[in-house]
Amino acid sequence: MTKANIATVWLDGCSGCHMSFLDMDGRLLDIAGRANLVYSPLVDVKEFPPDVDVTLVEGAVSSVDDLEKIKMVRSRTRILVSLGDCAVTSNVPGMRNPYGPEPLLQRAYIENATINNQLPGPLVPKLLEQSRPVHNYVKVDVFLPGCPPSADQIFWVVDELLSGRIPDTTTMSRFGT
């Protein structure tokens, strides 16, 4: 039996969803027996591979790099999961939307800096005008809200997907829990 290829991606978020993923503890061994983790901030793989069966995406799309990455990830993924409130609604990253990127950058890099107060250079990804949920840019197959979703919820979704079923998450979670 061929193992499924699974990936996790971190866009603009706090990594809480990845911490919940790790909180699956021993159940990670069950997943490892059924799937290869082919890309993640939790492993040292630098390039997102082609032909990924399931990708869990944490975080909102807030920068040009996020947008480029999510489009590439979608093109190489069979089933894309928006993992957590930031990916599903833009949650905390979206709190900047009424102000736009310029006041945010001024506050972070000029007003609050104690040394080297200057706007970031070309190595820092350019912010988009608005921070948006993943589904505003690419097709999402499964939405798993929560801030973060619990390890039990993540395991259930991954288990369902690895068993060939698309989970119905509408009754198992709600935003902010």
N, C-alpha and C. Protein backbone atom coordinates (compact mmCIF):
# COMPACT_ATOMS: atom_id res chain seq x y z
N MET A 1 0.84 -1.17 0.00
CA MET A 1 0.00 0.00 0.00
C MET A 1 0.89 1.25 0.00
N THR A 2 0.60 2.19 -0.88
CA THR A 2 1.35 3.43 -0.97
C THR A 2 0.83 4.41 0.08
N LYS A 3 1.75 5.04 0.78
CA LYS A 3 1.36 6.04 1.77
C LYS A 3 0.95 7.33 1.08
N ALA A 4 0.03 8.05 1.70
CA ALA A 4 -0.36 9.37 1.23
C ALA A 4 0.76 10.36 1.55
N ASN A 5 0.84 11.41 0.77
CA ASN A 5 1.76 12.51 1.06
C ASN A 5 0.97 13.63 1.71
N ILE A 6 1.43 14.06 2.89
CA ILE A 6 0.76 15.11 3.63
C ILE A 6 1.76 16.24 3.89
N ALA A 7 1.25 17.47 3.91
CA ALA A 7 2.09 18.64 4.15
C ALA A 7 1.35 19.59 5.08
N THR A 8 2.13 20.43 5.76
CA THR A 8 1.55 21.54 6.51
C THR A 8 2.28 22.80 6.09
N VAL A 9 1.53 23.90 6.05
CA VAL A 9 2.07 25.18 5.61
C VAL A 9 1.68 26.23 6.63
N TRP A 10 2.59 27.15 6.88
CA TRP A 10 2.36 28.23 7.83
C TRP A 10 2.47 29.56 7.09
N LEU A 11 1.35 30.27 6.99
CA LEU A 11 1.35 31.61 6.39
C LEU A 11 1.40 32.62 7.53
N ASP A 12 0.49 33.62 7.54
CA ASP A 12 0.50 34.66 8.57
C ASP A 12 -0.37 34.22 9.74
N GLY A 13 0.25 33.63 10.73
CA GLY A 13 -0.44 33.15 11.93
C GLY A 13 0.59 32.99 13.04
N CYS A 14 0.15 32.46 14.15
CA CYS A 14 1.01 32.40 15.34
C CYS A 14 1.69 31.06 15.57
N SER A 15 1.39 30.08 14.76
CA SER A 15 1.86 28.69 14.85
C SER A 15 1.08 27.88 15.87
N GLY A 16 0.02 28.43 16.44
CA GLY A 16 -0.80 27.69 17.39
C GLY A 16 -1.42 26.45 16.79
N CYS A 17 -1.80 26.51 15.52
CA CYS A 17 -2.38 25.34 14.86
C CYS A 17 -1.35 24.22 14.72
N HIS A 18 -0.11 24.61 14.43
CA HIS A 18 0.95 23.61 14.37
C HIS A 18 1.24 23.03 15.75
N MET A 19 1.11 23.84 16.79
CA MET A 19 1.28 23.32 18.15
C MET A 19 0.19 22.31 18.47
N SER A 20 -1.06 22.59 18.04
CA SER A 20 -2.15 21.62 18.22
C SER A 20 -1.89 20.36 17.42
N PHE A 21 -1.34 20.50 16.23
CA PHE A 21 -0.98 19.34 15.42
C PHE A 21 0.00 18.46 16.20
N LEU A 22 1.01 19.08 16.80
CA LEU A 22 1.98 18.32 17.60
C LEU A 22 1.34 17.73 18.85
N ASP A 23 0.30 18.37 19.37
CA ASP A 23 -0.40 17.87 20.56
C ASP A 23 -1.14 16.56 20.31
N MET A 24 -1.14 16.09 19.07
CA MET A 24 -1.75 14.78 18.82
C MET A 24 -0.91 13.67 19.47
N ASP A 25 0.29 14.02 19.88
CA ASP A 25 1.16 13.11 20.63
C ASP A 25 1.29 11.76 19.91
N GLY A 26 0.95 10.67 20.60
CA GLY A 26 1.12 9.33 20.06
C GLY A 26 0.35 9.06 18.78
N ARG A 27 -0.72 9.83 18.57
CA ARG A 27 -1.50 9.65 17.34
C ARG A 27 -0.70 10.07 16.11
N LEU A 28 0.37 10.87 16.31
CA LEU A 28 1.24 11.21 15.19
C LEU A 28 1.87 9.95 14.60
N LEU A 29 2.12 8.95 15.45
CA LEU A 29 2.68 7.68 14.96
C LEU A 29 1.69 6.96 14.05
N ASP A 30 0.40 7.04 14.40
CA ASP A 30 -0.64 6.46 13.54
C ASP A 30 -0.63 7.15 12.18
N ILE A 31 -0.56 8.48 12.19
CA ILE A 31 -0.52 9.24 10.93
C ILE A 31 0.74 8.88 10.16
N ALA A 32 1.88 8.80 10.85
CA ALA A 32 3.15 8.47 10.19
C ALA A 32 3.12 7.08 9.56
N GLY A 33 2.32 6.17 10.12
CA GLY A 33 2.19 4.85 9.53
C GLY A 33 1.38 4.85 8.25
N ARG A 34 0.61 5.91 8.05
CA ARG A 34 -0.29 5.99 6.89
C ARG A 34 0.08 7.08 5.89
N ALA A 35 0.96 8.00 6.29
CA ALA A 35 1.28 9.13 5.42
C ALA A 35 2.72 9.57 5.62
N ASN A 36 3.29 10.11 4.56
CA ASN A 36 4.61 10.71 4.63
C ASN A 36 4.45 12.22 4.80
N LEU A 37 5.10 12.79 5.80
CA LEU A 37 5.10 14.24 5.97
C LEU A 37 6.17 14.78 5.03
N VAL A 38 5.73 15.33 3.89
CA VAL A 38 6.66 15.70 2.83
C VAL A 38 7.06 17.17 2.84
N TYR A 39 6.36 17.98 3.64
CA TYR A 39 6.71 19.40 3.75
C TYR A 39 6.03 19.96 4.98
N SER A 40 6.75 20.79 5.74
CA SER A 40 6.19 21.40 6.95
C SER A 40 7.25 22.29 7.58
N PRO A 41 6.82 23.31 8.34
CA PRO A 41 7.80 24.05 9.12
C PRO A 41 8.37 23.18 10.25
N LEU A 42 7.78 22.01 10.46
CA LEU A 42 8.24 21.10 11.51
C LEU A 42 9.36 20.19 11.04
N VAL A 43 9.64 20.18 9.73
CA VAL A 43 10.70 19.34 9.17
C VAL A 43 11.61 20.21 8.31
N ASP A 44 12.70 19.65 7.86
CA ASP A 44 13.72 20.43 7.16
C ASP A 44 13.64 20.32 5.64
N VAL A 45 12.46 20.24 5.09
CA VAL A 45 12.29 20.19 3.64
C VAL A 45 12.14 21.62 3.14
N LYS A 46 12.94 22.00 2.17
CA LYS A 46 12.97 23.40 1.70
C LYS A 46 11.98 23.69 0.56
N GLU A 47 11.71 22.69 -0.27
CA GLU A 47 10.87 22.90 -1.45
C GLU A 47 9.55 22.15 -1.28
N PHE A 48 8.44 22.83 -1.60
CA PHE A 48 7.14 22.17 -1.56
C PHE A 48 7.07 21.22 -2.75
N PRO A 49 6.83 19.93 -2.51
CA PRO A 49 6.88 18.95 -3.60
C PRO A 49 5.60 18.93 -4.44
N PRO A 50 5.67 18.33 -5.62
CA PRO A 50 4.45 18.10 -6.40
C PRO A 50 3.69 16.91 -5.83
N ASP A 51 2.46 16.76 -6.21
CA ASP A 51 1.65 15.57 -5.89
C ASP A 51 1.46 15.34 -4.40
N VAL A 52 1.06 16.38 -3.68
CA VAL A 52 0.73 16.24 -2.25
C VAL A 52 -0.76 15.88 -2.16
N ASP A 53 -1.07 14.88 -1.37
CA ASP A 53 -2.46 14.45 -1.23
C ASP A 53 -3.27 15.40 -0.35
N VAL A 54 -2.71 15.78 0.81
CA VAL A 54 -3.41 16.64 1.77
C VAL A 54 -2.45 17.70 2.28
N THR A 55 -2.87 18.96 2.23
CA THR A 55 -2.09 20.03 2.84
C THR A 55 -2.97 20.78 3.84
N LEU A 56 -2.46 20.91 5.07
CA LEU A 56 -3.09 21.71 6.11
C LEU A 56 -2.42 23.08 6.08
N VAL A 57 -3.21 24.14 5.90
CA VAL A 57 -2.67 25.50 5.81
C VAL A 57 -3.10 26.30 7.02
N GLU A 58 -2.13 26.76 7.79
CA GLU A 58 -2.37 27.65 8.93
C GLU A 58 -2.06 29.07 8.50
N GLY A 59 -2.89 30.02 8.90
CA GLY A 59 -2.59 31.43 8.71
C GLY A 59 -3.33 32.07 7.55
N ALA A 60 -3.39 33.39 7.62
CA ALA A 60 -4.03 34.19 6.58
C ALA A 60 -3.04 34.52 5.48
N VAL A 61 -3.55 35.00 4.38
CA VAL A 61 -2.73 35.46 3.26
C VAL A 61 -2.55 36.96 3.45
N SER A 62 -1.35 37.37 3.86
CA SER A 62 -1.12 38.77 4.23
C SER A 62 -0.01 39.46 3.44
N SER A 63 0.82 38.69 2.76
CA SER A 63 1.94 39.28 2.02
C SER A 63 1.98 38.73 0.60
N VAL A 64 2.77 39.37 -0.23
CA VAL A 64 2.97 38.90 -1.59
C VAL A 64 3.54 37.48 -1.56
N ASP A 65 4.44 37.20 -0.64
CA ASP A 65 5.01 35.85 -0.52
C ASP A 65 3.94 34.83 -0.13
N ASP A 66 3.05 35.19 0.81
CA ASP A 66 1.96 34.29 1.20
C ASP A 66 1.09 33.96 -0.02
N LEU A 67 0.76 34.97 -0.80
CA LEU A 67 -0.10 34.79 -1.97
C LEU A 67 0.56 33.87 -3.00
N GLU A 68 1.81 34.13 -3.27
CA GLU A 68 2.56 33.29 -4.22
C GLU A 68 2.63 31.84 -3.71
N LYS A 69 2.90 31.69 -2.42
CA LYS A 69 3.03 30.35 -1.84
C LYS A 69 1.71 29.59 -1.88
N ILE A 70 0.59 30.23 -1.50
CA ILE A 70 -0.67 29.50 -1.44
C ILE A 70 -1.13 29.10 -2.84
N LYS A 71 -0.86 29.90 -3.83
CA LYS A 71 -1.21 29.53 -5.21
C LYS A 71 -0.39 28.32 -5.66
N MET A 72 0.89 28.31 -5.34
CA MET A 72 1.74 27.18 -5.68
C MET A 72 1.30 25.93 -4.93
N VAL A 73 1.04 26.06 -3.62
CA VAL A 73 0.60 24.93 -2.80
C VAL A 73 -0.69 24.34 -3.37
N ARG A 74 -1.64 25.20 -3.71
CA ARG A 74 -2.92 24.72 -4.26
C ARG A 74 -2.69 23.95 -5.56
N SER A 75 -1.80 24.43 -6.39
CA SER A 75 -1.57 23.78 -7.68
C SER A 75 -0.93 22.40 -7.52
N ARG A 76 -0.35 22.13 -6.36
CA ARG A 76 0.35 20.86 -6.14
C ARG A 76 -0.35 19.97 -5.10
N THR A 77 -1.55 20.36 -4.68
CA THR A 77 -2.25 19.65 -3.61
C THR A 77 -3.61 19.17 -4.08
N ARG A 78 -3.92 17.92 -3.76
CA ARG A 78 -5.22 17.35 -4.10
C ARG A 78 -6.31 17.87 -3.18
N ILE A 79 -6.08 17.84 -1.84
CA ILE A 79 -7.07 18.31 -0.86
C ILE A 79 -6.42 19.35 0.04
N LEU A 80 -6.97 20.56 0.02
CA LEU A 80 -6.42 21.67 0.80
C LEU A 80 -7.35 21.94 1.98
N VAL A 81 -6.76 21.99 3.18
CA VAL A 81 -7.50 22.23 4.42
C VAL A 81 -7.10 23.59 4.98
N SER A 82 -8.07 24.48 5.18
CA SER A 82 -7.82 25.72 5.93
C SER A 82 -7.88 25.36 7.40
N LEU A 83 -6.75 25.46 8.07
CA LEU A 83 -6.60 25.01 9.45
C LEU A 83 -6.58 26.21 10.39
N GLY A 84 -7.64 26.39 11.16
CA GLY A 84 -7.70 27.45 12.15
C GLY A 84 -8.35 28.72 11.65
N ASP A 85 -8.71 29.56 12.61
CA ASP A 85 -9.46 30.78 12.31
C ASP A 85 -8.72 31.75 11.39
N CYS A 86 -7.41 31.83 11.49
CA CYS A 86 -6.68 32.76 10.61
C CYS A 86 -6.80 32.34 9.15
N ALA A 87 -6.68 31.04 8.88
CA ALA A 87 -6.82 30.55 7.51
C ALA A 87 -8.27 30.64 7.03
N VAL A 88 -9.22 30.45 7.96
CA VAL A 88 -10.64 30.41 7.61
C VAL A 88 -11.24 31.81 7.48
N THR A 89 -10.85 32.75 8.36
CA THR A 89 -11.50 34.08 8.38
C THR A 89 -10.51 35.25 8.31
N SER A 90 -9.26 35.02 8.43
CA SER A 90 -8.13 35.96 8.57
C SER A 90 -7.98 36.47 10.00
N ASN A 91 -8.91 36.18 10.87
CA ASN A 91 -8.84 36.38 12.31
C ASN A 91 -7.88 37.49 12.75
N VAL A 92 -6.90 37.20 13.56
CA VAL A 92 -6.01 38.22 14.12
C VAL A 92 -5.23 38.97 13.04
N PRO A 93 -4.63 38.31 12.03
CA PRO A 93 -3.95 39.09 11.00
C PRO A 93 -4.87 40.09 10.31
N GLY A 94 -6.17 39.76 10.21
CA GLY A 94 -7.13 40.66 9.58
C GLY A 94 -7.46 41.89 10.39
N MET A 95 -7.03 41.93 11.65
CA MET A 95 -7.31 43.10 12.48
C MET A 95 -6.63 44.35 11.96
N ARG A 96 -5.64 44.18 11.11
CA ARG A 96 -4.95 45.35 10.52
C ARG A 96 -5.70 45.94 9.34
N ASN A 97 -6.69 45.21 8.82
CA ASN A 97 -7.35 45.62 7.58
C ASN A 97 -7.94 47.02 7.58
N PRO A 98 -8.56 47.51 8.66
CA PRO A 98 -9.09 48.88 8.61
C PRO A 98 -8.02 49.96 8.45
N TYR A 99 -6.77 49.62 8.75
CA TYR A 99 -5.69 50.62 8.74
C TYR A 99 -4.81 50.55 7.51
N GLY A 100 -4.70 49.39 6.90
CA GLY A 100 -3.81 49.21 5.76
C GLY A 100 -2.39 48.95 6.23
N PRO A 101 -1.52 48.59 5.32
CA PRO A 101 -0.17 48.19 5.71
C PRO A 101 0.75 49.34 6.15
N GLU A 102 0.60 50.52 5.59
CA GLU A 102 1.54 51.61 5.90
C GLU A 102 1.53 52.02 7.38
N PRO A 103 0.37 52.29 8.00
CA PRO A 103 0.39 52.61 9.43
C PRO A 103 0.94 51.47 10.29
N LEU A 104 0.69 50.24 9.88
CA LEU A 104 1.21 49.08 10.59
C LEU A 104 2.74 49.06 10.55
N LEU A 105 3.29 49.27 9.37
CA LEU A 105 4.74 49.30 9.22
C LEU A 105 5.36 50.47 9.99
N GLN A 106 4.73 51.63 9.92
CA GLN A 106 5.22 52.79 10.66
C GLN A 106 5.28 52.51 12.16
N ARG A 107 4.20 51.91 12.67
CA ARG A 107 4.12 51.62 14.11
C ARG A 107 5.18 50.60 14.53
N ALA A 108 5.31 49.54 13.74
CA ALA A 108 6.22 48.45 14.11
C ALA A 108 7.70 48.81 13.92
N TYR A 109 8.02 49.47 12.81
CA TYR A 109 9.42 49.65 12.45
C TYR A 109 9.98 51.05 12.74
N ILE A 110 9.10 52.04 12.93
CA ILE A 110 9.58 53.40 13.20
C ILE A 110 9.24 53.80 14.64
N GLU A 111 7.96 53.83 14.97
CA GLU A 111 7.54 54.31 16.29
C GLU A 111 7.98 53.42 17.44
N ASN A 112 7.96 52.11 17.27
CA ASN A 112 8.29 51.20 18.37
C ASN A 112 9.74 50.72 18.36
N ALA A 113 10.50 51.11 17.38
CA ALA A 113 11.90 50.66 17.29
C ALA A 113 12.78 51.51 18.21
N THR A 114 13.67 50.85 18.92
CA THR A 114 14.61 51.58 19.77
C THR A 114 15.96 51.77 19.08
N ILE A 115 16.27 50.90 18.14
CA ILE A 115 17.47 51.06 17.33
C ILE A 115 17.12 50.76 15.88
N ASN A 116 17.87 51.33 14.97
CA ASN A 116 17.71 51.06 13.54
C ASN A 116 16.27 51.24 13.08
N ASN A 117 15.64 52.33 13.51
CA ASN A 117 14.25 52.53 13.12
C ASN A 117 14.16 52.99 11.66
N GLN A 118 13.80 52.02 10.84
CA GLN A 118 13.59 52.27 9.42
C GLN A 118 12.64 51.21 8.87
N LEU A 119 11.97 51.55 7.81
CA LEU A 119 11.06 50.60 7.19
C LEU A 119 11.86 49.44 6.63
N PRO A 120 11.26 48.23 6.60
CA PRO A 120 11.99 47.06 6.12
C PRO A 120 12.37 47.20 4.66
N GLY A 121 13.47 46.55 4.33
CA GLY A 121 13.97 46.56 2.96
C GLY A 121 13.37 45.43 2.13
N PRO A 122 13.97 45.16 1.00
CA PRO A 122 13.41 44.20 0.06
C PRO A 122 13.43 42.74 0.54
N LEU A 123 14.16 42.44 1.61
CA LEU A 123 14.17 41.07 2.12
C LEU A 123 12.91 40.71 2.89
N VAL A 124 12.17 41.71 3.35
CA VAL A 124 10.92 41.48 4.06
C VAL A 124 9.79 41.51 3.03
N PRO A 125 8.96 40.45 2.99
CA PRO A 125 7.89 40.40 1.99
C PRO A 125 6.96 41.61 2.07
N LYS A 126 6.57 42.11 0.90
CA LYS A 126 5.65 43.24 0.82
C LYS A 126 4.27 42.80 1.30
N LEU A 127 3.69 43.61 2.18
CA LEU A 127 2.35 43.31 2.67
C LEU A 127 1.29 43.62 1.62
N LEU A 128 0.27 42.77 1.56
CA LEU A 128 -0.88 43.06 0.72
C LEU A 128 -1.71 44.15 1.39
N GLU A 129 -2.56 44.82 0.65
CA GLU A 129 -3.42 45.87 1.21
C GLU A 129 -4.28 45.32 2.34
N GLN A 130 -4.78 44.09 2.21
CA GLN A 130 -5.63 43.46 3.20
C GLN A 130 -5.10 42.05 3.51
N SER A 131 -5.27 41.63 4.72
CA SER A 131 -5.01 40.24 5.11
C SER A 131 -6.31 39.47 4.90
N ARG A 132 -6.26 38.40 4.15
CA ARG A 132 -7.48 37.69 3.76
C ARG A 132 -7.38 36.20 4.06
N PRO A 133 -8.55 35.54 4.21
CA PRO A 133 -8.54 34.09 4.40
C PRO A 133 -8.10 33.37 3.12
N VAL A 134 -7.64 32.16 3.28
CA VAL A 134 -7.09 31.38 2.17
C VAL A 134 -8.10 31.25 1.03
N HIS A 135 -9.37 30.98 1.34
CA HIS A 135 -10.36 30.74 0.29
C HIS A 135 -10.66 31.98 -0.57
N ASN A 136 -10.17 33.15 -0.17
CA ASN A 136 -10.32 34.32 -1.03
C ASN A 136 -9.41 34.26 -2.24
N TYR A 137 -8.41 33.39 -2.20
CA TYR A 137 -7.43 33.30 -3.27
C TYR A 137 -7.39 31.96 -3.99
N VAL A 138 -7.67 30.88 -3.27
CA VAL A 138 -7.63 29.55 -3.88
C VAL A 138 -8.80 28.71 -3.37
N LYS A 139 -9.09 27.63 -4.06
CA LYS A 139 -10.15 26.72 -3.64
C LYS A 139 -9.70 25.97 -2.39
N VAL A 140 -10.57 25.94 -1.40
CA VAL A 140 -10.33 25.20 -0.16
C VAL A 140 -11.34 24.06 -0.12
N ASP A 141 -10.87 22.86 0.23
CA ASP A 141 -11.73 21.68 0.25
C ASP A 141 -12.35 21.42 1.61
N VAL A 142 -11.63 21.73 2.69
CA VAL A 142 -12.10 21.48 4.05
C VAL A 142 -11.74 22.69 4.90
N PHE A 143 -12.70 23.16 5.70
CA PHE A 143 -12.47 24.25 6.63
C PHE A 143 -12.52 23.70 8.04
N LEU A 144 -11.47 23.95 8.83
CA LEU A 144 -11.44 23.53 10.23
C LEU A 144 -11.16 24.75 11.10
N PRO A 145 -12.23 25.45 11.53
CA PRO A 145 -12.03 26.62 12.37
C PRO A 145 -11.57 26.24 13.77
N GLY A 146 -11.20 27.25 14.52
CA GLY A 146 -10.74 27.10 15.89
C GLY A 146 -9.50 27.94 16.07
N CYS A 147 -9.27 28.36 17.29
CA CYS A 147 -8.11 29.22 17.56
C CYS A 147 -7.38 28.73 18.80
N PRO A 148 -6.60 27.68 18.61
CA PRO A 148 -6.50 26.80 17.44
C PRO A 148 -7.51 25.67 17.56
N PRO A 149 -7.71 24.91 16.46
CA PRO A 149 -8.50 23.70 16.58
C PRO A 149 -7.78 22.75 17.54
N SER A 150 -8.54 21.93 18.22
CA SER A 150 -7.91 20.99 19.17
C SER A 150 -7.19 19.88 18.42
N ALA A 151 -6.28 19.23 19.12
CA ALA A 151 -5.58 18.08 18.56
C ALA A 151 -6.57 17.00 18.14
N ASP A 152 -7.63 16.81 18.94
CA ASP A 152 -8.65 15.81 18.60
C ASP A 152 -9.34 16.15 17.28
N GLN A 153 -9.67 17.42 17.08
CA GLN A 153 -10.31 17.83 15.83
C GLN A 153 -9.38 17.64 14.64
N ILE A 154 -8.12 18.05 14.81
CA ILE A 154 -7.16 17.90 13.70
C ILE A 154 -6.97 16.43 13.37
N PHE A 155 -6.81 15.60 14.40
CA PHE A 155 -6.62 14.18 14.15
C PHE A 155 -7.83 13.60 13.42
N TRP A 156 -9.03 13.96 13.84
CA TRP A 156 -10.24 13.43 13.19
C TRP A 156 -10.26 13.81 11.71
N VAL A 157 -9.96 15.07 11.40
CA VAL A 157 -9.95 15.51 10.00
C VAL A 157 -8.90 14.76 9.20
N VAL A 158 -7.69 14.68 9.72
CA VAL A 158 -6.62 13.99 9.00
C VAL A 158 -6.96 12.51 8.85
N ASP A 159 -7.48 11.88 9.89
CA ASP A 159 -7.86 10.47 9.82
C ASP A 159 -8.93 10.25 8.75
N GLU A 160 -9.93 11.11 8.72
CA GLU A 160 -10.98 11.00 7.70
C GLU A 160 -10.38 11.13 6.29
N LEU A 161 -9.53 12.13 6.10
CA LEU A 161 -8.94 12.35 4.78
C LEU A 161 -8.07 11.18 4.36
N LEU A 162 -7.27 10.65 5.29
CA LEU A 162 -6.42 9.51 4.96
C LEU A 162 -7.24 8.24 4.73
N SER A 163 -8.47 8.22 5.21
CA SER A 163 -9.37 7.08 4.98
C SER A 163 -10.20 7.28 3.71
N GLY A 164 -9.94 8.37 2.99
CA GLY A 164 -10.62 8.61 1.73
C GLY A 164 -11.95 9.31 1.84
N ARG A 165 -12.24 9.91 3.00
CA ARG A 165 -13.50 10.62 3.20
C ARG A 165 -13.25 12.12 3.41
N ILE A 166 -14.14 12.93 2.88
CA ILE A 166 -14.09 14.38 3.13
C ILE A 166 -14.92 14.63 4.39
N PRO A 167 -14.30 15.10 5.46
CA PRO A 167 -15.03 15.28 6.72
C PRO A 167 -15.97 16.47 6.68
N ASP A 168 -17.09 16.32 7.37
CA ASP A 168 -18.03 17.42 7.55
C ASP A 168 -17.72 18.05 8.90
N THR A 169 -17.06 19.19 8.88
CA THR A 169 -16.62 19.84 10.13
C THR A 169 -17.65 20.80 10.69
N THR A 170 -18.78 20.93 10.04
CA THR A 170 -19.75 21.94 10.48
C THR A 170 -20.34 21.67 11.85
N THR A 171 -20.34 20.44 12.31
CA THR A 171 -20.92 20.14 13.61
C THR A 171 -19.89 19.92 14.70
N MET A 172 -18.61 19.92 14.35
CA MET A 172 -17.60 19.56 15.36
C MET A 172 -16.84 20.74 15.94
N SER A 173 -16.89 21.88 15.30
CA SER A 173 -16.13 23.01 15.81
C SER A 173 -16.84 24.30 15.50
N ARG A 174 -16.44 25.33 16.21
CA ARG A 174 -16.96 26.65 15.93
C ARG A 174 -15.82 27.64 16.10
N PHE A 175 -15.99 28.82 15.60
CA PHE A 175 -14.91 29.81 15.61
C PHE A 175 -14.52 30.17 17.03
N GLY A 176 -13.21 30.31 17.24
CA GLY A 176 -12.70 30.78 18.51
C GLY A 176 -12.61 29.73 19.58
N THR A 177 -12.85 28.47 19.28
CA THR A 177 -12.76 27.42 20.31
C THR A 177 -11.76 26.36 19.91
